[in-house]
Protein backbone atom coordinates (compact mmCIF):
# COMPACT_ATOMS: atom_id res chain seq x y z
CA MET A 1 6.26 -20.43 -15.68
CA THR A 2 9.54 -21.74 -17.02
CA LYS A 3 10.56 -25.40 -17.35
CA ASN A 4 11.80 -25.50 -13.77
CA ASN A 5 8.54 -24.05 -12.43
CA GLU A 6 10.33 -20.78 -11.73
CA LEU A 7 8.33 -17.63 -12.15
CA LYS A 8 9.36 -15.21 -14.86
CA LYS A 9 10.44 -11.76 -13.67
CA GLY A 10 7.08 -10.10 -14.38
CA GLU A 11 5.09 -12.97 -12.87
CA LYS A 12 7.16 -12.77 -9.69
CA GLU A 13 6.82 -8.97 -9.45
CA ILE A 14 3.04 -9.20 -9.87
CA LYS A 15 2.70 -12.04 -7.37
CA GLU A 16 4.70 -10.12 -4.74
CA ALA A 17 3.21 -6.68 -5.54
CA GLN A 18 2.23 -4.40 -2.69
CA LEU A 19 1.14 -0.79 -2.79
CA THR A 20 4.00 1.48 -1.82
CA PRO A 21 3.57 4.91 -0.20
CA ILE A 22 5.83 7.82 -1.12
CA GLU A 23 6.14 10.97 0.99
CA ASN A 24 4.00 13.77 -0.41
CA GLN A 25 6.18 16.79 -1.16
CA TYR A 26 3.17 19.13 -0.86
CA PRO A 27 1.17 17.98 2.19
CA ASP A 28 0.21 21.57 3.01
CA ARG A 29 -2.04 21.93 -0.04
CA ASP A 30 -5.02 20.17 -1.54
CA TYR A 31 -4.38 18.91 -5.05
CA ARG A 32 -5.99 16.10 -6.98
CA ILE A 33 -4.29 13.13 -8.60
CA ASP A 34 -6.15 11.29 -11.37
CA ILE A 35 -4.95 7.86 -12.48
CA GLU A 36 -6.43 5.78 -15.30
CA LEU A 37 -5.75 2.04 -15.39
CA PRO A 38 -7.27 0.95 -18.73
CA GLU A 39 -6.24 -2.72 -18.74
CA PHE A 40 -7.85 -4.10 -15.57
CA THR A 41 -8.86 -7.74 -15.74
CA CYS A 42 -10.27 -10.22 -13.27
CA LEU A 43 -12.31 -13.41 -13.47
CA CYS A 44 -16.00 -13.93 -12.83
CA PRO A 45 -16.13 -16.03 -9.64
CA LYS A 46 -19.11 -18.04 -10.96
CA THR A 47 -18.07 -18.78 -14.54
CA GLY A 48 -14.34 -18.11 -14.69
CA TYR A 49 -14.85 -15.90 -17.73
CA PRO A 50 -12.63 -12.81 -17.85
CA ASP A 51 -13.99 -9.39 -17.01
CA PHE A 52 -12.36 -6.24 -18.36
CA ALA A 53 -12.56 -2.71 -17.00
CA VAL A 54 -11.03 0.72 -16.84
CA ILE A 55 -10.24 1.59 -13.23
CA ASN A 56 -10.08 5.31 -12.48
CA VAL A 57 -8.56 6.50 -9.23
CA HIS A 58 -9.05 10.12 -8.17
CA TYR A 59 -7.60 11.26 -4.87
CA ILE A 60 -6.42 14.19 -2.80
CA PRO A 61 -3.32 13.05 -0.93
CA ASP A 62 -2.40 13.82 2.64
CA GLU A 63 1.05 12.80 3.91
CA TYR A 64 1.67 10.16 1.21
CA ILE A 65 1.06 9.45 -2.47
CA ILE A 66 0.94 6.09 -4.25
CA GLU A 67 4.06 4.96 -6.08
CA LEU A 68 2.73 4.32 -9.60
CA LYS A 69 4.72 1.20 -10.49
CA SER A 70 3.51 -0.48 -7.31
CA LEU A 71 -0.08 0.44 -8.26
CA LYS A 72 0.37 -1.02 -11.74
CA LEU A 73 1.70 -4.30 -10.38
CA TYR A 74 -0.97 -4.41 -7.65
CA ILE A 75 -3.74 -3.95 -10.24
CA ASN A 76 -2.28 -6.79 -12.32
CA LYS A 77 -2.69 -9.15 -9.33
CA PHE A 78 -6.43 -9.21 -10.02
CA ARG A 79 -6.07 -10.87 -13.43
CA ASP A 80 -6.26 -14.41 -12.05
CA GLN A 81 -8.69 -13.72 -9.18
CA GLY A 82 -12.32 -14.70 -9.17
CA ILE A 83 -13.92 -11.53 -7.81
CA TYR A 84 -17.16 -9.62 -8.33
CA HIS A 85 -17.00 -6.11 -9.79
CA GLU A 86 -18.27 -4.50 -6.58
CA GLU A 87 -15.77 -6.37 -4.43
CA ALA A 88 -12.85 -5.50 -6.72
CA VAL A 89 -13.55 -1.75 -6.67
CA ASN A 90 -14.11 -1.66 -2.91
CA LYS A 91 -10.94 -3.72 -2.27
CA ILE A 92 -8.87 -1.33 -4.39
CA ARG A 93 -10.34 1.61 -2.46
CA ASP A 94 -9.70 -0.04 0.91
CA ASP A 95 -6.13 -1.04 0.04
CA ILE A 96 -5.22 2.46 -1.17
CA VAL A 97 -6.80 4.05 1.92
CA GLU A 98 -4.86 1.64 4.14
CA THR A 99 -1.60 2.44 2.34
CA VAL A 100 -1.70 6.24 1.95
CA ASP A 101 -4.77 7.47 3.91
CA PRO A 102 -5.73 10.17 1.39
CA ARG A 103 -7.86 13.12 2.41
CA TRP A 104 -10.38 11.99 -0.20
CA ILE A 105 -10.53 9.21 -2.80
CA LYS A 106 -12.90 7.94 -5.43
CA VAL A 107 -12.28 4.64 -7.22
CA GLU A 108 -14.43 3.88 -10.23
CA GLY A 109 -14.57 0.59 -12.10
CA ASP A 110 -16.07 0.97 -15.58
CA PHE A 111 -16.59 -2.66 -16.65
CA ASN A 112 -17.06 -3.79 -20.24
CA ARG A 113 -20.48 -5.04 -21.25
CA ARG A 114 -21.07 -8.74 -20.86
CA GLY A 115 -24.39 -10.40 -21.63
CA ASN A 116 -25.95 -7.00 -22.40
CA VAL A 117 -25.11 -5.73 -18.90
CA LYS A 118 -22.93 -2.66 -18.28
CA THR A 119 -21.62 -2.10 -14.77
CA ILE A 120 -19.97 0.98 -13.28
CA VAL A 121 -19.02 0.72 -9.61
CA THR A 122 -17.88 3.74 -7.56
CA ALA A 123 -16.49 3.69 -4.01
CA GLU A 124 -15.42 6.82 -2.11
CA TYR A 125 -13.72 7.67 1.17
CA GLU A 126 -13.12 10.95 2.97
CA GLN A 127 -11.14 11.59 6.15
CA ASP A 128 -13.37 12.64 9.05
CA ASP A 129 -11.90 16.14 9.25
CA PHE A 130 -11.76 16.78 5.51
CA ASN A 131 -14.50 18.62 3.64
CA LYS A 132 -14.07 18.20 -0.09
CA SER A 133 -15.55 21.00 -2.13
CA GLU A 134 -15.60 20.91 -5.92
């Protein structure tokens, strides 16, 4: 924050960040979008130590896609939050589903080792009438 307790531009954008839907130009076809977010950070809710992860988002859109800048800013909101790995990944999944209701989505959090423990958390969602085949 600046001398006058005003937020800098980036701090303000991150604080106010919300996922933004964009109309899908190809809603009549199934296609997959893969997004890698390699600089995810949050705080351990018990110790306050930082946790680092790569968040991978894979989804098949329906009527809407995620605007990427809004996703970047949304992900940066976690940097000062005390949140468990499992909660973070499931919250990201839930918030994306609420925003764009994809036909299918998988969110994976690949967290850095800490204390000799490696955690990978995966959360999926599929619309009731969608049958994903790989």
